[in-house]
């Protein structure tokens, strides 16, 4: 059933709010119907309950991320600490067997004097390297028997000889007898007795 516009008299299909010709507002009964707030129907399913599937998926993704980063950080921790360099190998004396009727006796291990000498030598090297670093004469210290080699690009520096003179007694007490200052190229700049 068509309604008629009260302003211009044109027939209007139900559902229009304004007249298509004169654009005048149409009354409710004239082709317009009142909208209802009822459910219009259709194929949409109303939401019911808590969305469990998306929550489970999100928890699974979070657990996978934590697992991946946990394994990576555990792998880094095991690789981060390299094993310490091996220390000097000390020879232990063999037990001497004597032809006797009594039980064999084992000699005690080597005296601690050798270990103390090694510790004194290490302390002297660390002290010399620290002094070089404080004076900004950057160098590396190597031990070759009873000789100590200071390998530095600053062997010609005027501050090098007084620094070594100050540490000579410490190095001599550690059992070293000679010191050489060697450039990075391998050229010996000076050599002295301790």
N, C-alpha and C. Protein backbone atom coordinates (compact mmCIF):
# COMPACT_ATOMS: atom_id res chain seq x y z
N UNK A 1 0.83 -1.17 0.00
CA UNK A 1 0.00 0.00 0.00
C UNK A 1 0.87 1.23 0.00
N UNK A 2 0.66 2.07 -0.98
CA UNK A 2 1.41 3.30 -1.13
C UNK A 2 0.75 4.41 -0.34
N UNK A 3 1.60 5.29 0.21
CA UNK A 3 1.09 6.47 0.92
C UNK A 3 1.21 7.66 0.00
N UNK A 4 0.58 8.75 0.35
CA UNK A 4 0.59 9.96 -0.47
C UNK A 4 1.25 11.06 0.34
N UNK A 5 2.12 11.86 -0.33
CA UNK A 5 2.82 12.98 0.34
C UNK A 5 1.78 14.05 0.64
N UNK A 6 1.71 14.54 1.88
CA UNK A 6 0.73 15.57 2.22
C UNK A 6 1.05 16.92 1.59
N UNK A 7 2.30 17.16 1.18
CA UNK A 7 2.68 18.47 0.64
C UNK A 7 2.42 18.56 -0.86
N UNK A 8 2.81 17.51 -1.64
CA UNK A 8 2.70 17.62 -3.09
C UNK A 8 1.74 16.58 -3.68
N UNK A 9 1.34 15.56 -2.91
CA UNK A 9 0.37 14.58 -3.36
C UNK A 9 0.96 13.44 -4.18
N UNK A 10 2.23 13.24 -4.20
CA UNK A 10 2.87 12.17 -4.95
C UNK A 10 2.76 10.88 -4.14
N UNK A 11 2.58 9.77 -4.80
CA UNK A 11 2.51 8.48 -4.13
C UNK A 11 3.93 8.09 -3.68
N UNK A 12 4.03 7.67 -2.45
CA UNK A 12 5.33 7.33 -1.84
C UNK A 12 5.29 5.89 -1.36
N UNK A 13 6.37 5.14 -1.67
CA UNK A 13 6.47 3.75 -1.26
C UNK A 13 6.73 3.73 0.25
N UNK A 14 6.14 2.78 0.97
CA UNK A 14 6.36 2.76 2.42
C UNK A 14 7.85 2.59 2.76
N UNK A 15 8.30 3.29 3.78
CA UNK A 15 9.68 3.21 4.24
C UNK A 15 10.43 4.52 4.05
N UNK A 16 9.91 5.44 3.20
CA UNK A 16 10.58 6.73 3.00
C UNK A 16 10.31 7.64 4.17
N UNK A 17 11.29 8.44 4.52
CA UNK A 17 11.14 9.41 5.60
C UNK A 17 10.73 10.74 5.00
N UNK A 18 11.22 11.05 3.78
CA UNK A 18 10.91 12.30 3.09
C UNK A 18 10.33 11.97 1.72
N UNK A 19 9.62 12.90 1.20
CA UNK A 19 9.02 12.76 -0.12
C UNK A 19 10.14 12.80 -1.15
N UNK A 20 10.19 11.88 -2.13
CA UNK A 20 11.24 11.90 -3.13
C UNK A 20 11.16 13.11 -4.06
N UNK A 21 9.98 13.78 -4.15
CA UNK A 21 9.85 14.90 -5.07
C UNK A 21 10.09 16.22 -4.37
N UNK A 22 9.37 16.48 -3.27
CA UNK A 22 9.47 17.81 -2.62
C UNK A 22 10.30 17.78 -1.35
N UNK A 23 10.73 16.66 -0.95
CA UNK A 23 11.57 16.46 0.23
C UNK A 23 10.91 16.90 1.54
N UNK A 24 9.66 16.90 1.56
CA UNK A 24 8.94 17.24 2.78
C UNK A 24 8.90 16.00 3.66
N UNK A 25 8.91 16.19 4.97
CA UNK A 25 8.85 15.07 5.89
C UNK A 25 7.52 14.38 5.84
N UNK A 26 7.54 13.08 5.87
CA UNK A 26 6.31 12.30 5.81
C UNK A 26 5.89 11.92 7.23
N UNK A 27 4.59 11.91 7.50
CA UNK A 27 4.13 11.47 8.82
C UNK A 27 4.32 9.96 8.95
N UNK A 28 4.21 9.46 10.14
CA UNK A 28 4.44 8.05 10.40
C UNK A 28 3.51 7.14 9.60
N UNK A 29 2.36 7.49 9.45
CA UNK A 29 1.42 6.62 8.75
C UNK A 29 1.55 6.70 7.26
N UNK A 30 2.19 7.71 6.73
CA UNK A 30 2.25 7.93 5.29
C UNK A 30 3.49 7.29 4.70
N UNK A 31 3.52 6.05 4.58
CA UNK A 31 4.62 5.34 3.94
C UNK A 31 5.78 5.04 4.86
N UNK A 32 5.69 5.51 6.06
CA UNK A 32 6.77 5.26 7.02
C UNK A 32 6.27 4.34 8.09
N UNK A 33 7.07 3.43 8.47
CA UNK A 33 6.68 2.53 9.55
C UNK A 33 7.61 2.76 10.72
N UNK A 34 7.14 2.49 11.87
CA UNK A 34 7.93 2.67 13.08
C UNK A 34 8.92 1.52 13.19
N UNK A 35 10.15 1.87 13.50
CA UNK A 35 11.17 0.83 13.64
C UNK A 35 11.00 0.13 14.97
N UNK A 36 11.27 -1.15 14.93
CA UNK A 36 11.16 -1.92 16.16
C UNK A 36 12.56 -2.20 16.69
N UNK A 37 12.65 -2.43 17.95
CA UNK A 37 13.93 -2.75 18.57
C UNK A 37 14.10 -4.25 18.73
N UNK A 38 13.22 -5.00 18.15
CA UNK A 38 13.28 -6.45 18.26
C UNK A 38 14.43 -6.97 17.41
N UNK A 39 14.88 -8.18 17.69
CA UNK A 39 15.96 -8.81 16.94
C UNK A 39 15.49 -9.03 15.50
N UNK A 40 16.28 -8.53 14.51
CA UNK A 40 15.82 -8.64 13.13
C UNK A 40 15.92 -10.05 12.59
N UNK A 41 16.59 -10.96 13.31
CA UNK A 41 16.72 -12.32 12.80
C UNK A 41 17.98 -12.42 11.96
N UNK A 42 18.11 -13.39 11.13
CA UNK A 42 19.27 -13.55 10.28
C UNK A 42 20.05 -14.79 10.67
N UNK A 43 21.27 -14.89 10.15
CA UNK A 43 22.05 -16.09 10.38
C UNK A 43 23.14 -15.91 11.45
N UNK A 44 23.25 -14.74 12.02
CA UNK A 44 24.28 -14.51 13.04
C UNK A 44 23.91 -15.24 14.31
N UNK A 45 24.93 -15.88 14.93
CA UNK A 45 24.71 -16.59 16.17
C UNK A 45 25.10 -15.66 17.30
N UNK A 46 24.24 -15.48 18.27
CA UNK A 46 24.57 -14.56 19.36
C UNK A 46 25.73 -15.13 20.20
N UNK A 47 26.56 -14.24 20.76
CA UNK A 47 27.67 -14.64 21.62
C UNK A 47 27.11 -15.26 22.89
N UNK A 48 27.71 -16.36 23.26
CA UNK A 48 27.25 -16.98 24.50
C UNK A 48 28.47 -17.48 25.26
N UNK A 49 28.69 -16.99 26.45
CA UNK A 49 29.77 -17.49 27.29
C UNK A 49 31.12 -16.82 27.03
N UNK A 50 32.17 -17.38 27.62
CA UNK A 50 33.53 -16.86 27.57
C UNK A 50 34.25 -17.43 26.34
N UNK A 51 35.00 -16.60 25.58
CA UNK A 51 35.69 -17.09 24.38
C UNK A 51 36.94 -17.90 24.76
N UNK A 52 36.77 -19.17 24.96
CA UNK A 52 37.85 -20.03 25.46
C UNK A 52 38.90 -20.33 24.40
N UNK A 53 38.53 -20.49 23.15
CA UNK A 53 39.48 -20.86 22.10
C UNK A 53 40.53 -19.75 21.88
N UNK A 54 40.12 -18.48 21.74
CA UNK A 54 41.15 -17.45 21.56
C UNK A 54 42.09 -17.33 22.77
N UNK A 55 41.56 -17.53 23.96
CA UNK A 55 42.41 -17.46 25.15
C UNK A 55 43.44 -18.59 25.15
N UNK A 56 43.02 -19.80 24.78
CA UNK A 56 43.95 -20.93 24.72
C UNK A 56 45.03 -20.71 23.66
N UNK A 57 44.65 -20.15 22.53
CA UNK A 57 45.63 -19.87 21.47
C UNK A 57 46.64 -18.84 21.96
N UNK A 58 46.18 -17.78 22.62
CA UNK A 58 47.08 -16.74 23.13
C UNK A 58 48.03 -17.32 24.18
N UNK A 59 47.53 -18.18 25.07
CA UNK A 59 48.40 -18.80 26.07
C UNK A 59 49.44 -19.71 25.42
N UNK A 60 49.06 -20.43 24.39
CA UNK A 60 50.01 -21.29 23.68
C UNK A 60 51.11 -20.49 23.01
N UNK A 61 50.76 -19.38 22.39
CA UNK A 61 51.77 -18.51 21.76
C UNK A 61 52.71 -17.94 22.80
N UNK A 62 52.17 -17.46 23.94
CA UNK A 62 53.00 -16.91 25.00
C UNK A 62 53.95 -17.97 25.56
N UNK A 63 53.48 -19.18 25.75
CA UNK A 63 54.34 -20.25 26.26
C UNK A 63 55.45 -20.58 25.26
N UNK A 64 55.14 -20.57 23.98
CA UNK A 64 56.16 -20.85 22.96
C UNK A 64 57.23 -19.77 22.95
N UNK A 65 56.84 -18.50 23.08
CA UNK A 65 57.81 -17.40 23.11
C UNK A 65 58.71 -17.51 24.33
N UNK A 66 58.13 -17.79 25.49
CA UNK A 66 58.93 -17.93 26.71
C UNK A 66 59.89 -19.10 26.59
N UNK A 67 59.44 -20.18 26.02
CA UNK A 67 60.29 -21.36 25.85
C UNK A 67 61.47 -21.07 24.92
N UNK A 68 61.20 -20.40 23.80
CA UNK A 68 62.27 -20.09 22.84
C UNK A 68 63.31 -19.17 23.47
N UNK A 69 62.88 -18.08 24.11
CA UNK A 69 63.83 -17.16 24.72
C UNK A 69 64.51 -17.77 25.93
N UNK A 70 63.85 -18.62 26.66
CA UNK A 70 64.48 -19.29 27.80
C UNK A 70 65.59 -20.22 27.36
N UNK A 71 65.36 -20.96 26.29
CA UNK A 71 66.38 -21.88 25.77
C UNK A 71 67.56 -21.08 25.22
N UNK A 72 67.28 -19.99 24.53
CA UNK A 72 68.37 -19.17 23.96
C UNK A 72 69.22 -18.56 25.06
N UNK A 73 68.60 -18.03 26.13
CA UNK A 73 69.39 -17.41 27.19
C UNK A 73 70.15 -18.47 27.99
N UNK A 74 69.60 -19.67 28.13
CA UNK A 74 70.32 -20.74 28.83
C UNK A 74 71.53 -21.16 28.01
N UNK A 75 71.40 -21.18 26.69
CA UNK A 75 72.52 -21.52 25.82
C UNK A 75 73.62 -20.47 25.88
N UNK A 76 73.24 -19.21 26.00
CA UNK A 76 74.23 -18.14 26.10
C UNK A 76 74.97 -18.21 27.42
N UNK A 77 74.29 -18.57 28.49
CA UNK A 77 74.94 -18.64 29.79
C UNK A 77 75.97 -19.75 29.82
N UNK A 78 75.71 -20.85 29.17
CA UNK A 78 76.69 -21.93 29.18
C UNK A 78 77.88 -21.61 28.31
N UNK A 79 77.68 -20.83 27.24
CA UNK A 79 78.79 -20.46 26.38
C UNK A 79 79.51 -19.23 26.88
N UNK A 80 78.92 -18.43 27.76
CA UNK A 80 79.50 -17.16 28.17
C UNK A 80 80.75 -17.34 29.02
N UNK A 81 80.84 -18.38 29.81
CA UNK A 81 81.97 -18.55 30.70
C UNK A 81 82.92 -19.60 30.14
N UNK A 82 83.98 -19.15 29.44
CA UNK A 82 84.93 -20.12 28.93
C UNK A 82 85.73 -20.71 30.08
N UNK A 83 86.22 -21.90 29.91
CA UNK A 83 86.97 -22.52 31.00
C UNK A 83 88.26 -21.75 31.25
N UNK A 84 88.70 -21.69 32.49
CA UNK A 84 89.92 -20.96 32.79
C UNK A 84 91.12 -21.66 32.15
N UNK A 85 92.17 -20.89 31.83
CA UNK A 85 93.32 -21.52 31.21
C UNK A 85 93.98 -22.46 32.19
N UNK A 86 94.55 -23.53 31.70
CA UNK A 86 95.16 -24.50 32.61
C UNK A 86 96.40 -23.89 33.28
N UNK A 87 96.57 -24.23 34.51
CA UNK A 87 97.72 -23.75 35.26
C UNK A 87 98.92 -24.62 34.97
N UNK A 88 100.04 -24.30 35.58
CA UNK A 88 101.23 -25.11 35.34
C UNK A 88 101.03 -26.52 35.90
N UNK A 89 101.58 -27.45 35.22
CA UNK A 89 101.46 -28.85 35.63
C UNK A 89 102.65 -29.16 36.53
N UNK A 90 102.34 -29.62 37.70
CA UNK A 90 103.40 -29.96 38.64
C UNK A 90 103.62 -31.46 38.62
N UNK A 91 104.88 -31.81 38.57
CA UNK A 91 105.21 -33.23 38.56
C UNK A 91 105.25 -33.73 40.00
N UNK A 92 104.58 -34.82 40.25
CA UNK A 92 104.62 -35.42 41.57
C UNK A 92 105.63 -36.56 41.54
N UNK A 93 106.43 -36.67 42.54
CA UNK A 93 107.46 -37.72 42.52
C UNK A 93 106.83 -39.10 42.62
N UNK A 94 107.49 -40.03 41.99
CA UNK A 94 107.03 -41.42 42.07
C UNK A 94 107.41 -41.99 43.42
N UNK A 95 106.61 -42.87 43.91
CA UNK A 95 107.01 -43.51 45.17
C UNK A 95 108.23 -44.41 44.93
N UNK A 96 109.16 -44.32 45.81
CA UNK A 96 110.35 -45.14 45.68
C UNK A 96 110.17 -46.42 46.49
N UNK A 97 110.37 -47.49 45.82
CA UNK A 97 110.23 -48.78 46.48
C UNK A 97 111.62 -49.25 46.91
N UNK A 98 111.71 -49.61 48.12
CA UNK A 98 112.98 -50.12 48.66
C UNK A 98 112.79 -51.60 48.97
N UNK A 99 113.76 -52.35 48.66
CA UNK A 99 113.63 -53.77 49.00
C UNK A 99 113.69 -53.92 50.52
N UNK A 100 112.57 -54.17 51.07
CA UNK A 100 112.52 -54.40 52.51
C UNK A 100 111.35 -55.32 52.81
N UNK A 101 111.30 -55.73 54.02
CA UNK A 101 110.22 -56.63 54.41
C UNK A 101 108.99 -55.85 54.87
N UNK A 102 109.15 -54.57 55.15
CA UNK A 102 108.04 -53.74 55.64
C UNK A 102 107.22 -53.18 54.49
N UNK A 103 106.15 -52.47 54.82
CA UNK A 103 105.30 -51.88 53.77
C UNK A 103 106.06 -50.77 53.03
N UNK A 104 105.69 -50.55 51.76
CA UNK A 104 106.33 -49.51 50.95
C UNK A 104 105.92 -48.14 51.48
N UNK A 105 106.87 -47.22 51.48
CA UNK A 105 106.57 -45.86 51.95
C UNK A 105 106.50 -44.93 50.75
N UNK A 106 105.57 -44.02 50.80
CA UNK A 106 105.39 -43.04 49.74
C UNK A 106 105.97 -41.73 50.24
N UNK A 107 106.80 -41.10 49.40
CA UNK A 107 107.38 -39.82 49.78
C UNK A 107 106.31 -38.75 49.73
N UNK A 108 106.42 -37.74 50.58
CA UNK A 108 105.43 -36.65 50.55
C UNK A 108 105.54 -35.87 49.24
N UNK A 109 104.48 -35.16 48.84
CA UNK A 109 104.53 -34.38 47.60
C UNK A 109 105.58 -33.28 47.70
N UNK A 110 105.88 -32.70 46.53
CA UNK A 110 106.90 -31.66 46.45
C UNK A 110 106.55 -30.54 47.42
N UNK A 111 107.55 -29.87 47.97
CA UNK A 111 107.28 -28.80 48.92
C UNK A 111 106.50 -27.66 48.27
N UNK A 112 105.86 -26.88 49.10
CA UNK A 112 105.02 -25.78 48.62
C UNK A 112 105.86 -24.61 48.13
N UNK A 113 107.18 -24.70 48.20
CA UNK A 113 108.03 -23.60 47.76
C UNK A 113 107.87 -23.36 46.26
N UNK A 114 107.74 -24.44 45.47
CA UNK A 114 107.57 -24.27 44.02
C UNK A 114 106.25 -23.56 43.72
N UNK A 115 105.21 -23.91 44.43
CA UNK A 115 103.91 -23.26 44.23
C UNK A 115 103.98 -21.79 44.63
N UNK A 116 104.68 -21.49 45.70
CA UNK A 116 104.83 -20.12 46.15
C UNK A 116 105.60 -19.30 45.12
N UNK A 117 106.63 -19.90 44.52
CA UNK A 117 107.42 -19.20 43.49
C UNK A 117 106.55 -18.87 42.28
N UNK A 118 105.68 -19.80 41.88
CA UNK A 118 104.79 -19.57 40.74
C UNK A 118 103.82 -18.44 41.07
N UNK A 119 103.30 -18.44 42.29
CA UNK A 119 102.37 -17.38 42.69
C UNK A 119 103.08 -16.03 42.73
N UNK A 120 104.34 -16.00 43.21
CA UNK A 120 105.10 -14.75 43.24
C UNK A 120 105.34 -14.25 41.82
N UNK A 121 105.64 -15.17 40.91
CA UNK A 121 105.87 -14.79 39.52
C UNK A 121 104.61 -14.20 38.90
N UNK A 122 103.50 -14.85 39.12
CA UNK A 122 102.22 -14.34 38.59
C UNK A 122 101.90 -12.98 39.18
N UNK A 123 102.12 -12.80 40.49
CA UNK A 123 101.83 -11.52 41.13
C UNK A 123 102.72 -10.43 40.55
N UNK A 124 104.00 -10.75 40.27
CA UNK A 124 104.91 -9.75 39.71
C UNK A 124 104.47 -9.36 38.30
N UNK A 125 104.03 -10.34 37.49
CA UNK A 125 103.57 -10.05 36.13
C UNK A 125 102.32 -9.17 36.17
N UNK A 126 101.38 -9.51 37.04
CA UNK A 126 100.15 -8.72 37.15
C UNK A 126 100.47 -7.30 37.60
N UNK A 127 101.40 -7.15 38.53
CA UNK A 127 101.78 -5.83 39.02
C UNK A 127 102.42 -5.00 37.91
N UNK A 128 103.30 -5.62 37.12
CA UNK A 128 103.95 -4.89 36.02
C UNK A 128 102.94 -4.50 34.95
N UNK A 129 102.05 -5.40 34.58
CA UNK A 129 101.02 -5.07 33.58
C UNK A 129 100.12 -3.95 34.08
N UNK A 130 99.76 -3.98 35.38
CA UNK A 130 98.92 -2.93 35.95
C UNK A 130 99.64 -1.58 35.92
N UNK A 131 100.94 -1.57 36.23
CA UNK A 131 101.71 -0.32 36.20
C UNK A 131 101.79 0.22 34.77
N UNK A 132 102.00 -0.66 33.79
CA UNK A 132 102.02 -0.22 32.40
C UNK A 132 100.69 0.40 32.00
N UNK A 133 99.60 -0.22 32.42
CA UNK A 133 98.26 0.28 32.09
C UNK A 133 98.01 1.63 32.74
N UNK A 134 98.44 1.79 34.01
CA UNK A 134 98.21 3.07 34.71
C UNK A 134 99.01 4.20 34.05
N UNK A 135 100.19 3.90 33.52
CA UNK A 135 101.01 4.91 32.86
C UNK A 135 100.65 5.06 31.38
N UNK A 136 99.66 4.30 30.93
CA UNK A 136 99.20 4.30 29.53
C UNK A 136 100.33 3.94 28.57
N UNK A 137 101.13 2.97 28.99
CA UNK A 137 102.21 2.43 28.17
C UNK A 137 101.83 1.04 27.67
N UNK A 138 100.61 0.82 27.40
CA UNK A 138 99.98 -0.45 27.08
C UNK A 138 100.99 -1.48 26.57
N UNK A 139 101.01 -2.60 27.23
CA UNK A 139 101.92 -3.66 26.82
C UNK A 139 101.48 -5.01 27.36
N UNK A 140 102.08 -6.05 26.80
CA UNK A 140 101.80 -7.42 27.24
C UNK A 140 103.10 -8.00 27.78
N UNK A 141 103.01 -8.75 28.85
CA UNK A 141 104.19 -9.31 29.50
C UNK A 141 104.20 -10.81 29.26
N UNK A 142 105.34 -11.33 28.77
CA UNK A 142 105.52 -12.76 28.54
C UNK A 142 106.73 -13.23 29.33
N UNK A 143 106.65 -14.45 29.83
CA UNK A 143 107.76 -15.06 30.58
C UNK A 143 108.41 -16.10 29.68
N UNK A 144 109.73 -16.05 29.59
CA UNK A 144 110.49 -17.05 28.83
C UNK A 144 111.63 -17.52 29.73
N UNK A 145 111.39 -18.55 30.50
CA UNK A 145 112.40 -19.05 31.44
C UNK A 145 112.58 -18.05 32.57
N UNK A 146 113.82 -17.54 32.70
CA UNK A 146 114.09 -16.54 33.73
C UNK A 146 114.12 -15.13 33.16
N UNK A 147 113.63 -14.98 31.94
CA UNK A 147 113.58 -13.69 31.28
C UNK A 147 112.13 -13.25 31.15
N UNK A 148 111.90 -11.96 31.25
CA UNK A 148 110.56 -11.41 31.06
C UNK A 148 110.63 -10.48 29.86
N UNK A 149 109.69 -10.63 28.94
CA UNK A 149 109.60 -9.80 27.75
C UNK A 149 108.40 -8.88 27.88
N UNK A 150 108.65 -7.58 27.76
CA UNK A 150 107.56 -6.61 27.74
C UNK A 150 107.36 -6.23 26.29
N UNK A 151 106.22 -6.61 25.72
CA UNK A 151 105.93 -6.32 24.32
C UNK A 151 104.99 -5.13 24.29
N UNK A 152 105.53 -3.98 23.81
CA UNK A 152 104.77 -2.74 23.84
C UNK A 152 105.20 -1.85 22.69
N UNK A 153 104.31 -1.04 22.22
CA UNK A 153 104.63 -0.04 21.21
C UNK A 153 105.25 1.20 21.84
N UNK A 154 105.35 1.21 23.17
CA UNK A 154 105.86 2.37 23.89
C UNK A 154 107.22 2.12 24.52
N UNK A 155 107.99 1.18 24.02
CA UNK A 155 109.31 0.88 24.61
C UNK A 155 110.23 2.09 24.53
N UNK A 156 110.08 2.94 23.52
CA UNK A 156 110.92 4.12 23.36
C UNK A 156 110.42 5.29 24.20
N UNK A 157 109.30 5.16 24.84
CA UNK A 157 108.73 6.25 25.64
C UNK A 157 109.65 6.54 26.83
N UNK A 158 109.89 7.81 27.15
CA UNK A 158 110.78 8.15 28.26
C UNK A 158 110.28 7.64 29.62
N UNK A 159 109.01 7.35 29.76
CA UNK A 159 108.48 6.89 31.04
C UNK A 159 108.65 5.39 31.24
N UNK A 160 109.05 4.66 30.19
CA UNK A 160 109.13 3.20 30.29
C UNK A 160 110.28 2.76 31.20
N UNK A 161 111.47 3.28 31.01
CA UNK A 161 112.63 2.84 31.81
C UNK A 161 112.46 3.12 33.30
N UNK A 162 112.00 4.32 33.71
CA UNK A 162 111.81 4.54 35.15
C UNK A 162 110.76 3.60 35.75
N UNK A 163 109.73 3.28 34.99
CA UNK A 163 108.70 2.36 35.49
C UNK A 163 109.30 0.98 35.72
N UNK A 164 110.10 0.50 34.77
CA UNK A 164 110.71 -0.82 34.91
C UNK A 164 111.74 -0.81 36.03
N UNK A 165 112.49 0.29 36.20
CA UNK A 165 113.44 0.39 37.31
C UNK A 165 112.72 0.27 38.65
N UNK A 166 111.52 0.83 38.75
CA UNK A 166 110.74 0.76 39.98
C UNK A 166 110.24 -0.64 40.29
N UNK A 167 110.03 -1.45 39.28
CA UNK A 167 109.51 -2.81 39.47
C UNK A 167 110.62 -3.87 39.42
N UNK A 168 111.88 -3.47 39.22
CA UNK A 168 112.98 -4.43 39.05
C UNK A 168 113.16 -5.32 40.27
N UNK A 169 113.09 -4.76 41.46
CA UNK A 169 113.31 -5.58 42.67
C UNK A 169 112.19 -6.61 42.84
N UNK A 170 110.97 -6.24 42.52
CA UNK A 170 109.84 -7.18 42.61
C UNK A 170 110.03 -8.33 41.61
N UNK A 171 110.45 -7.99 40.39
CA UNK A 171 110.66 -9.01 39.37
C UNK A 171 111.83 -9.92 39.73
N UNK A 172 112.91 -9.35 40.29
CA UNK A 172 114.06 -10.15 40.70
C UNK A 172 113.69 -11.11 41.84
N UNK A 173 112.86 -10.62 42.77
CA UNK A 173 112.42 -11.46 43.89
C UNK A 173 111.56 -12.62 43.40
N UNK A 174 110.91 -12.47 42.24
CA UNK A 174 110.09 -13.55 41.70
C UNK A 174 110.92 -14.56 40.93
N UNK A 175 112.25 -14.34 40.83
CA UNK A 175 113.12 -15.32 40.18
C UNK A 175 113.50 -14.97 38.77
N UNK A 176 113.20 -13.76 38.32
CA UNK A 176 113.55 -13.35 36.96
C UNK A 176 114.90 -12.64 36.97
N UNK A 177 115.71 -12.85 35.92
CA UNK A 177 117.05 -12.26 35.90
C UNK A 177 117.25 -11.26 34.78
N UNK A 178 116.47 -11.32 33.70
CA UNK A 178 116.62 -10.40 32.58
C UNK A 178 115.26 -9.85 32.17
N UNK A 179 115.28 -8.65 31.59
CA UNK A 179 114.07 -8.03 31.06
C UNK A 179 114.41 -7.47 29.70
N UNK A 180 113.53 -7.74 28.73
CA UNK A 180 113.66 -7.16 27.40
C UNK A 180 112.40 -6.38 27.08
N UNK A 181 112.57 -5.20 26.46
CA UNK A 181 111.43 -4.43 25.98
C UNK A 181 111.42 -4.57 24.47
N UNK A 182 110.36 -5.15 23.93
CA UNK A 182 110.28 -5.51 22.52
C UNK A 182 109.13 -4.73 21.88
N UNK A 183 109.41 -4.09 20.74
CA UNK A 183 108.37 -3.40 19.98
C UNK A 183 107.39 -4.41 19.41
N UNK A 184 106.25 -3.94 18.93
CA UNK A 184 105.25 -4.83 18.34
C UNK A 184 105.79 -5.54 17.10
N UNK A 185 106.75 -4.91 16.42
CA UNK A 185 107.33 -5.52 15.23
C UNK A 185 108.29 -6.65 15.56
N UNK A 186 108.71 -6.75 16.83
CA UNK A 186 109.64 -7.79 17.25
C UNK A 186 111.04 -7.26 17.49
N UNK A 187 111.30 -5.99 17.22
CA UNK A 187 112.62 -5.41 17.42
C UNK A 187 112.84 -5.15 18.91
N UNK A 188 114.01 -5.57 19.43
CA UNK A 188 114.34 -5.35 20.84
C UNK A 188 114.83 -3.92 20.99
N UNK A 189 114.15 -3.13 21.83
CA UNK A 189 114.53 -1.74 22.05
C UNK A 189 115.62 -1.66 23.11
N UNK A 190 115.44 -2.36 24.23
CA UNK A 190 116.49 -2.41 25.24
C UNK A 190 116.36 -3.71 26.02
N UNK A 191 117.47 -4.08 26.65
CA UNK A 191 117.54 -5.28 27.47
C UNK A 191 118.33 -4.94 28.70
N UNK A 192 117.92 -5.45 29.84
CA UNK A 192 118.64 -5.14 31.07
C UNK A 192 118.58 -6.32 32.04
N UNK A 193 119.55 -6.35 32.98
CA UNK A 193 119.55 -7.34 34.03
C UNK A 193 118.70 -6.85 35.18
N UNK A 194 118.12 -7.78 35.90
CA UNK A 194 117.28 -7.41 37.04
C UNK A 194 118.03 -7.65 38.33
